[in-house]
Amino acid sequence: MLTREGIVLRGGASSKRQALHIAAEAAAQMLGRDVQQVFSALMEREALGSTGLGGGVAVPHARLPGLDRVAAVFVRLDQPVAFEALDDRPVDLLFALFASPDAGAEHLRALAAVSRALRGAELRERLRQARTPDAIHALFVRDTEKTAA
C-alpha cells in the first residue's frame, strides 16, 4: 500500500490546507492524477470532519475513480500544524489513503490497520526520528509484520 515513492519528508506547511496539498501532490505524482482532483477529494472528506486522530497523527483519505488498489502517501512535516484533531494537538504525521469509490471493505480495512498502527507511541516516535524514506518504509513493513504475527 505504501511505497518509498509515496513518502515525503519535508516541512513547509503552515496550515492543514497546505499539509493536505503536500499529500495531494505526492499522491497525484504517484498515481498519475491531476493534483487539483486529488486535493479536492481530500478537502471534501475533511469537510465532513477532521481526520486528525490525536498524538500528532492524521489519516486523511479520499475516493478516486479508476484506482485498482488502495494507495497511500506518508508525509512528515517539520513543524506540526493545527488540524482540529480529536485531542486538539497539532499534526506532523499524515498517512493519506486513496481508494476507488467501490472499494468499501478494502478501504475500511486499510483505514483500521493504519489507525491501529499509528496509535502506538513508539512507532510515532520512530517515524519522527527516521532520516530517510527507506527508514520510514522499513518501520511500516516491520510494524505490519508484527501485527500479522
Protein backbone atom coordinates (compact mmCIF):
# COMPACT_ATOMS: atom_id res chain seq x y z
CA MET A 1 0.00 0.00 0.00
CA LEU A 2 2.82 2.43 0.87
CA THR A 3 5.83 2.59 -1.45
CA ARG A 4 9.05 4.53 -0.94
CA GLU A 5 7.93 6.94 -3.68
CA GLY A 6 4.89 7.78 -1.56
CA ILE A 7 6.95 9.01 1.40
CA VAL A 8 7.54 12.74 1.78
CA LEU A 9 9.84 14.11 4.47
CA ARG A 10 9.57 17.87 4.36
CA GLY A 11 8.17 20.86 6.14
CA GLY A 12 6.83 23.94 4.51
CA ALA A 13 3.23 23.62 5.66
CA SER A 14 1.81 26.32 7.88
CA SER A 15 -1.78 25.09 7.79
CA LYS A 16 -3.93 21.99 7.49
CA ARG A 17 -4.79 23.02 3.92
CA GLN A 18 -1.10 23.22 2.93
CA ALA A 19 -0.35 19.87 4.61
CA LEU A 20 -3.18 18.24 2.65
CA HIS A 21 -1.86 19.84 -0.54
CA ILE A 22 1.57 18.27 0.05
CA ALA A 23 -0.12 14.87 0.42
CA ALA A 24 -2.19 15.53 -2.73
CA GLU A 25 0.93 16.46 -4.75
CA ALA A 26 2.71 13.25 -3.74
CA ALA A 27 -0.36 11.11 -4.44
CA ALA A 28 -1.05 12.80 -7.79
CA GLN A 29 2.51 12.17 -8.95
CA MET A 30 2.49 8.56 -7.74
CA LEU A 31 -0.95 7.78 -9.22
CA GLY A 32 -0.63 9.82 -12.42
CA ARG A 33 -3.54 12.06 -11.42
CA ASP A 34 -4.31 15.75 -11.51
CA VAL A 35 -3.18 17.43 -8.27
CA GLN A 36 -6.33 19.53 -8.01
CA GLN A 37 -8.56 16.44 -8.35
CA VAL A 38 -6.73 14.68 -5.53
CA PHE A 39 -6.62 17.79 -3.34
CA SER A 40 -10.34 18.45 -3.86
CA ALA A 41 -11.18 14.86 -2.90
CA LEU A 42 -9.14 15.19 0.32
CA MET A 43 -10.77 18.54 1.16
CA GLU A 44 -14.27 17.14 0.53
CA ARG A 45 -13.65 14.35 3.01
CA GLU A 46 -12.07 16.70 5.53
CA ALA A 47 -15.17 18.94 5.35
CA LEU A 48 -17.16 16.05 6.85
CA GLY A 49 -14.94 16.08 9.95
CA SER A 50 -11.28 16.19 10.82
CA THR A 51 -9.21 13.09 10.13
CA GLY A 52 -6.81 14.08 12.92
CA LEU A 53 -6.65 11.04 15.22
CA GLY A 54 -4.58 12.54 18.02
CA GLY A 55 -0.97 12.12 19.06
CA GLY A 56 0.14 14.34 16.17
CA VAL A 57 -1.33 11.96 13.56
CA ALA A 58 -3.90 12.44 10.80
CA VAL A 59 -5.22 9.86 8.35
CA PRO A 60 -6.80 11.88 5.55
CA HIS A 61 -8.46 9.73 2.92
CA ALA A 62 -10.35 10.09 -0.32
CA ARG A 63 -12.06 8.08 -3.00
CA LEU A 64 -10.69 8.44 -6.53
CA PRO A 65 -12.40 6.79 -9.51
CA GLY A 66 -10.29 4.35 -11.50
CA LEU A 67 -7.93 3.12 -8.80
CA ASP A 68 -7.35 -0.62 -8.85
CA ARG A 69 -5.90 -0.82 -5.33
CA VAL A 70 -5.70 1.16 -2.12
CA ALA A 71 -2.75 3.53 -2.34
CA ALA A 72 -1.05 5.50 0.42
CA VAL A 73 1.17 8.51 0.94
CA PHE A 74 3.05 9.32 4.14
CA VAL A 75 4.01 12.92 4.90
CA ARG A 76 6.14 14.05 7.84
CA LEU A 77 6.08 17.79 8.45
CA ASP A 78 8.98 19.64 10.07
CA GLN A 79 6.56 21.70 12.14
CA PRO A 80 3.17 20.43 13.34
CA VAL A 81 0.08 22.27 12.08
CA ALA A 82 -3.35 22.79 13.64
CA PHE A 83 -5.60 20.04 12.30
CA GLU A 84 -8.69 20.02 14.55
CA ALA A 85 -7.58 16.61 15.81
CA LEU A 86 -9.55 14.69 18.44
CA ASP A 87 -7.05 15.71 21.14
CA ASP A 88 -6.64 19.28 19.78
CA ARG A 89 -2.88 18.68 19.34
CA PRO A 90 -1.24 19.79 16.10
CA VAL A 91 -0.34 17.18 13.47
CA ASP A 92 3.06 16.40 11.95
CA LEU A 93 2.44 12.85 10.65
CA LEU A 94 -0.07 12.32 7.82
CA PHE A 95 -0.85 8.93 6.35
CA ALA A 96 -3.16 9.60 3.41
CA LEU A 97 -5.18 6.76 1.87
CA PHE A 98 -6.78 6.64 -1.57
CA ALA A 99 -9.23 4.05 -2.86
CA SER A 100 -11.77 3.71 -5.63
CA PRO A 101 -15.39 4.57 -4.76
CA ASP A 102 -16.37 0.89 -4.87
CA ALA A 103 -13.53 -0.39 -2.64
CA GLY A 104 -15.63 -0.18 0.53
CA ALA A 105 -14.38 -3.07 2.66
CA GLU A 106 -10.78 -2.83 1.43
CA HIS A 107 -10.72 0.91 2.16
CA LEU A 108 -12.13 0.40 5.67
CA ARG A 109 -9.64 -2.40 6.45
CA ALA A 110 -6.76 -0.14 5.35
CA LEU A 111 -8.05 2.75 7.48
CA ALA A 112 -8.39 0.47 10.50
CA ALA A 113 -4.90 -1.01 10.05
CA VAL A 114 -3.23 2.39 9.66
CA SER A 115 -5.13 3.87 12.61
CA ARG A 116 -4.21 0.89 14.80
CA ALA A 117 -0.54 1.06 13.83
CA LEU A 118 -0.26 4.81 14.39
CA ARG A 119 -1.85 4.60 17.84
CA GLY A 120 1.47 3.22 19.09
CA ALA A 121 3.60 5.95 20.65
CA GLU A 122 6.80 4.02 19.91
CA LEU A 123 6.09 3.81 16.15
CA ARG A 124 5.12 7.50 16.02
CA GLU A 125 8.38 8.49 17.71
CA ARG A 126 10.45 6.30 15.38
CA LEU A 127 8.69 7.84 12.37
CA ARG A 128 9.62 11.29 13.68
CA GLN A 129 13.27 10.27 14.11
CA ALA A 130 13.76 8.38 10.82
CA ARG A 131 16.04 10.17 8.37
CA THR A 132 15.15 8.63 5.00
CA PRO A 133 12.14 7.30 3.08
CA ASP A 134 13.75 3.84 3.23
CA ALA A 135 13.86 4.02 7.04
CA ILE A 136 10.20 5.11 7.19
CA HIS A 137 9.19 2.31 4.80
CA ALA A 138 11.08 -0.25 6.89
CA LEU A 139 9.26 0.89 10.05
CA PHE A 140 5.86 0.36 8.42
CA VAL A 141 6.86 -3.02 6.96
CA ARG A 142 8.15 -4.18 10.35
CA ASP A 143 5.01 -2.93 12.13
CA THR A 144 2.78 -4.71 9.58
CA GLU A 145 4.70 -7.96 10.05
CA LYS A 146 4.42 -7.61 13.83
CA THR A 147 0.63 -7.10 13.68
CA ALA A 148 0.17 -10.01 11.27
CA ALA A 149 2.05 -12.42 13.54
